């Protein structure tokens, strides 16, 4: 039997979302990108004009808001639908301003503490592929299969630019590179749940594999009972 929880970690643009969704589809599992929770909170903070450095107010927002991630409700290429207090904010989560600030918001220990129970409740339901930056290390350290996807920054930037173009945006590659590089720095150096592979994670370099090869590799790990 495949594991009930598959944890996928890695930096932005490493392919977690697409690979995670395809693996979930192959297994008939639910897919959850936990980064969407932090993006949703960042969007809400911008809407409410809350300083992204104000950990107390941000934690209060997280405590009071109802953030939900469900299967896609609209056929527009999205991998999931995110709502905040009933409002569909999925498209807004890719706004450049949200991207600039999400790592600052997510770095606050108080914010992570508020969102951690929600993530763990979702994991307890089982049959789920969870993608993020601390799934294997903090959210689900007992996950039966842990993966860490990575690729050089230049490749991840190119992927992100292509994704934004497909969404009808006109991104500045230099700006995307600067934002992604800064996000890497913040994620890797934060005191609470820094981005790093779990000791028992399978590290996959996605720069040398096609998407099909990545999915095939993960499914092969599952078929061989690797964990």
Protein backbone atom coordinates (compact mmCIF):
# COMPACT_ATOMS: atom_id res chain seq x y z
CA UNK A 1 0.00 0.00 0.00
CA UNK A 2 1.30 3.52 -0.77
CA UNK A 3 2.02 5.80 2.19
CA UNK A 4 -0.90 7.82 3.52
CA UNK A 5 1.16 11.04 3.54
CA UNK A 6 3.74 12.06 0.94
CA UNK A 7 5.76 15.13 1.91
CA UNK A 8 7.36 17.25 -0.83
CA UNK A 9 9.62 20.15 0.09
CA UNK A 10 11.80 22.49 -1.91
CA UNK A 11 12.32 26.11 -2.97
CA UNK A 12 10.04 28.11 -5.26
CA UNK A 13 10.13 26.95 -8.87
CA UNK A 14 11.51 23.50 -8.07
CA UNK A 15 8.42 21.83 -9.51
CA UNK A 16 6.66 20.84 -6.28
CA UNK A 17 3.20 21.95 -7.35
CA UNK A 18 2.96 20.29 -10.75
CA UNK A 19 4.78 17.12 -9.68
CA UNK A 20 2.81 16.91 -6.46
CA UNK A 21 -0.49 17.29 -8.29
CA UNK A 22 0.41 14.63 -10.85
CA UNK A 23 1.52 12.16 -8.19
CA UNK A 24 -1.69 12.83 -6.26
CA UNK A 25 -3.75 12.27 -9.39
CA UNK A 26 -1.94 9.00 -10.11
CA UNK A 27 -2.68 7.74 -6.61
CA UNK A 28 -6.17 9.22 -6.29
CA UNK A 29 -4.91 11.40 -3.42
CA UNK A 30 -5.70 14.95 -2.40
CA UNK A 31 -3.00 17.51 -3.22
CA UNK A 32 -2.25 20.42 -0.90
CA UNK A 33 0.29 23.17 -1.47
CA UNK A 34 0.74 24.55 2.04
CA UNK A 35 2.46 27.62 0.60
CA UNK A 36 -0.99 28.69 -0.57
CA UNK A 37 -1.97 29.15 3.09
CA UNK A 38 0.86 31.62 3.65
CA UNK A 39 0.12 33.40 0.37
CA UNK A 40 -3.53 33.69 1.37
CA UNK A 41 -2.56 35.22 4.69
CA UNK A 42 -0.17 37.60 2.93
CA UNK A 43 -2.94 38.66 0.55
CA UNK A 44 -5.25 39.24 3.52
CA UNK A 45 -2.59 41.31 5.29
CA UNK A 46 -2.26 43.52 2.21
CA UNK A 47 -6.04 43.90 2.04
CA UNK A 48 -6.23 44.85 5.72
CA UNK A 49 -3.10 47.04 5.50
CA UNK A 50 -1.27 44.99 8.11
CA UNK A 51 2.51 45.47 8.21
CA UNK A 52 4.18 42.20 7.05
CA UNK A 53 6.69 42.68 9.89
CA UNK A 54 3.96 42.86 12.56
CA UNK A 55 3.96 39.28 13.80
CA UNK A 56 1.30 39.88 16.46
CA UNK A 57 -1.31 41.28 14.07
CA UNK A 58 -0.46 38.71 11.42
CA UNK A 59 -0.92 35.87 13.90
CA UNK A 60 -4.26 37.39 14.90
CA UNK A 61 -5.31 37.51 11.23
CA UNK A 62 -4.35 33.86 10.82
CA UNK A 63 -6.31 32.96 13.96
CA UNK A 64 -9.49 34.73 12.89
CA UNK A 65 -9.51 34.01 9.13
CA UNK A 66 -11.01 30.90 7.57
CA UNK A 67 -8.53 29.82 4.91
CA UNK A 68 -9.48 26.78 2.84
CA UNK A 69 -7.71 24.92 0.04
CA UNK A 70 -9.92 22.64 -2.06
CA UNK A 71 -9.87 20.87 -5.39
CA UNK A 72 -10.18 23.28 -8.37
CA UNK A 73 -13.64 24.82 -8.61
CA UNK A 74 -12.90 26.58 -11.92
CA UNK A 75 -11.31 25.03 -15.00
CA UNK A 76 -8.71 27.74 -15.63
CA UNK A 77 -5.52 25.76 -15.14
CA UNK A 78 -5.36 26.17 -11.37
CA UNK A 79 -4.22 23.22 -9.27
CA UNK A 80 -6.53 24.09 -6.38
CA UNK A 81 -8.92 26.77 -5.19
CA UNK A 82 -8.07 28.95 -2.21
CA UNK A 83 -10.71 30.88 -0.33
CA UNK A 84 -10.37 33.37 2.52
CA UNK A 85 -13.57 33.80 4.54
CA UNK A 86 -15.47 32.39 1.56
CA UNK A 87 -13.88 34.62 -1.10
CA UNK A 88 -12.02 32.92 -3.94
CA UNK A 89 -8.55 34.52 -3.95
CA UNK A 90 -6.70 31.90 -6.01
CA UNK A 91 -5.72 34.27 -8.82
CA UNK A 92 -4.62 37.00 -6.42
CA UNK A 93 -2.08 34.69 -4.81
CA UNK A 94 0.21 34.99 -7.84
CA UNK A 95 0.33 38.81 -7.63
CA UNK A 96 3.88 40.12 -7.52
CA UNK A 97 3.25 42.02 -4.27
CA UNK A 98 2.16 38.79 -2.55
CA UNK A 99 5.26 37.06 -3.92
CA UNK A 100 7.50 39.80 -2.58
CA UNK A 101 6.14 39.59 0.95
CA UNK A 102 5.09 35.99 1.53
CA UNK A 103 8.48 34.83 2.84
CA UNK A 104 8.55 37.73 5.32
CA UNK A 105 5.08 36.79 6.56
CA UNK A 106 5.90 33.08 6.68
CA UNK A 107 9.13 33.66 8.62
CA UNK A 108 7.30 34.75 11.79
CA UNK A 109 7.20 31.89 14.34
CA UNK A 110 3.83 33.18 15.60
CA UNK A 111 2.31 32.89 12.12
CA UNK A 112 3.69 29.41 11.55
CA UNK A 113 2.39 28.32 14.94
CA UNK A 114 -1.13 29.47 13.99
CA UNK A 115 -1.15 27.67 10.63
CA UNK A 116 0.60 24.49 11.76
CA UNK A 117 -2.46 22.85 13.42
CA UNK A 118 -4.51 23.37 10.25
CA UNK A 119 -1.85 21.66 8.14
CA UNK A 120 -1.58 18.76 10.55
CA UNK A 121 -5.36 18.27 10.65
CA UNK A 122 -5.39 18.01 6.88
CA UNK A 123 -2.53 15.51 6.98
CA UNK A 124 -4.36 13.38 9.55
CA UNK A 125 -7.07 12.68 6.97
CA UNK A 126 -4.47 10.66 5.04
CA UNK A 127 -4.19 9.91 1.32
CA UNK A 128 -2.60 13.29 0.74
CA UNK A 129 0.40 14.77 -1.05
CA UNK A 130 1.56 17.85 0.84
CA UNK A 131 4.01 20.28 -0.70
CA UNK A 132 5.78 23.13 1.06
CA UNK A 133 9.04 24.09 2.70
CA UNK A 134 8.86 22.33 6.06
CA UNK A 135 6.51 19.41 5.50
CA UNK A 136 9.06 16.66 6.08
CA UNK A 137 10.90 18.51 8.83
CA UNK A 138 8.08 20.09 10.89
CA UNK A 139 4.52 19.56 9.63
CA UNK A 140 4.69 15.81 9.01
CA UNK A 141 8.05 14.52 10.30
CA UNK A 142 6.53 11.01 10.43
CA UNK A 143 5.46 11.04 6.75
CA UNK A 144 6.20 7.67 5.19
CA UNK A 145 7.76 9.20 2.07
CA UNK A 146 9.67 12.49 2.08
CA UNK A 147 10.95 14.19 -1.06
CA UNK A 148 13.03 17.32 -1.55
CA UNK A 149 12.96 18.83 -5.04
CA UNK A 150 15.60 21.35 -6.07
CA UNK A 151 17.10 23.06 -9.14
CA UNK A 152 19.50 25.96 -9.81
CA UNK A 153 17.99 29.43 -9.42
CA UNK A 154 18.22 30.28 -13.14
CA UNK A 155 16.15 27.25 -14.07
CA UNK A 156 13.57 27.96 -11.39
CA UNK A 157 13.28 31.58 -12.53
CA UNK A 158 12.69 30.50 -16.14
CA UNK A 159 9.94 28.16 -15.00
CA UNK A 160 8.27 30.88 -12.95
CA UNK A 161 8.39 33.35 -15.83
CA UNK A 162 6.83 30.77 -18.16
CA UNK A 163 4.10 30.09 -15.61
CA UNK A 164 3.27 33.78 -15.24
CA UNK A 165 3.16 34.27 -19.02
CA UNK A 166 0.72 31.35 -19.27
CA UNK A 167 -1.46 33.20 -16.76
CA UNK A 168 -1.57 36.27 -18.97
CA UNK A 169 1.08 38.24 -17.07
CA UNK A 170 4.09 40.11 -18.50
CA UNK A 171 6.80 39.40 -15.90
CA UNK A 172 10.23 41.04 -15.78
CA UNK A 173 12.69 38.09 -15.58
CA UNK A 174 15.23 40.21 -13.66
CA UNK A 175 12.61 41.13 -11.09
CA UNK A 176 11.44 37.53 -10.79
CA UNK A 177 15.06 36.43 -10.24
CA UNK A 178 15.61 39.06 -7.56
CA UNK A 179 12.38 38.16 -5.76
CA UNK A 180 13.06 34.43 -5.91
CA UNK A 181 16.65 34.82 -4.74
CA UNK A 182 15.55 36.92 -1.78
CA UNK A 183 12.82 34.44 -0.96
CA UNK A 184 15.40 31.63 -0.95
CA UNK A 185 17.58 33.64 1.42
CA UNK A 186 14.73 34.30 3.85
CA UNK A 187 13.37 30.75 3.72
CA UNK A 188 16.77 29.16 4.30
CA UNK A 189 17.86 31.48 7.11
CA UNK A 190 14.67 31.94 9.15
CA UNK A 191 14.76 30.79 12.75
CA UNK A 192 11.43 28.95 12.57
CA UNK A 193 11.32 25.89 10.29
CA UNK A 194 14.05 26.88 7.79
CA UNK A 195 13.97 25.39 4.31
CA UNK A 196 16.13 22.26 4.22
CA UNK A 197 15.78 18.58 3.33
CA UNK A 198 14.65 16.24 6.07
CA UNK A 199 17.46 13.83 7.04
CA UNK A 200 15.57 10.92 5.49
CA UNK A 201 14.27 12.76 2.40
CA UNK A 202 14.97 11.63 -1.16
CA UNK A 203 16.63 14.65 -2.81
CA UNK A 204 15.73 15.03 -6.50
CA UNK A 205 17.50 17.42 -8.88
CA UNK A 206 14.64 18.48 -11.15
CA UNK A 207 16.95 20.37 -13.54
CA UNK A 208 18.06 17.12 -15.16
CA UNK A 209 14.67 15.47 -15.43
CA UNK A 210 11.53 16.09 -17.43
CA UNK A 211 8.25 16.34 -15.57
CA UNK A 212 7.29 12.85 -16.74
CA UNK A 213 10.62 11.49 -15.51
CA UNK A 214 10.17 13.12 -12.10
CA UNK A 215 6.72 11.63 -11.66
CA UNK A 216 7.93 8.22 -12.87
CA UNK A 217 10.84 8.33 -10.41
CA UNK A 218 8.54 9.08 -7.48
CA UNK A 219 6.03 6.42 -8.47
CA UNK A 220 8.94 3.97 -8.79
CA UNK A 221 10.05 4.83 -5.27
CA UNK A 222 6.53 4.11 -4.11
CA UNK A 223 6.30 0.82 -5.98
CA UNK A 224 9.58 -0.32 -4.38
CA UNK A 225 8.38 0.66 -0.94
CA UNK A 226 11.11 3.28 -0.50
CA UNK A 227 10.54 5.59 2.41
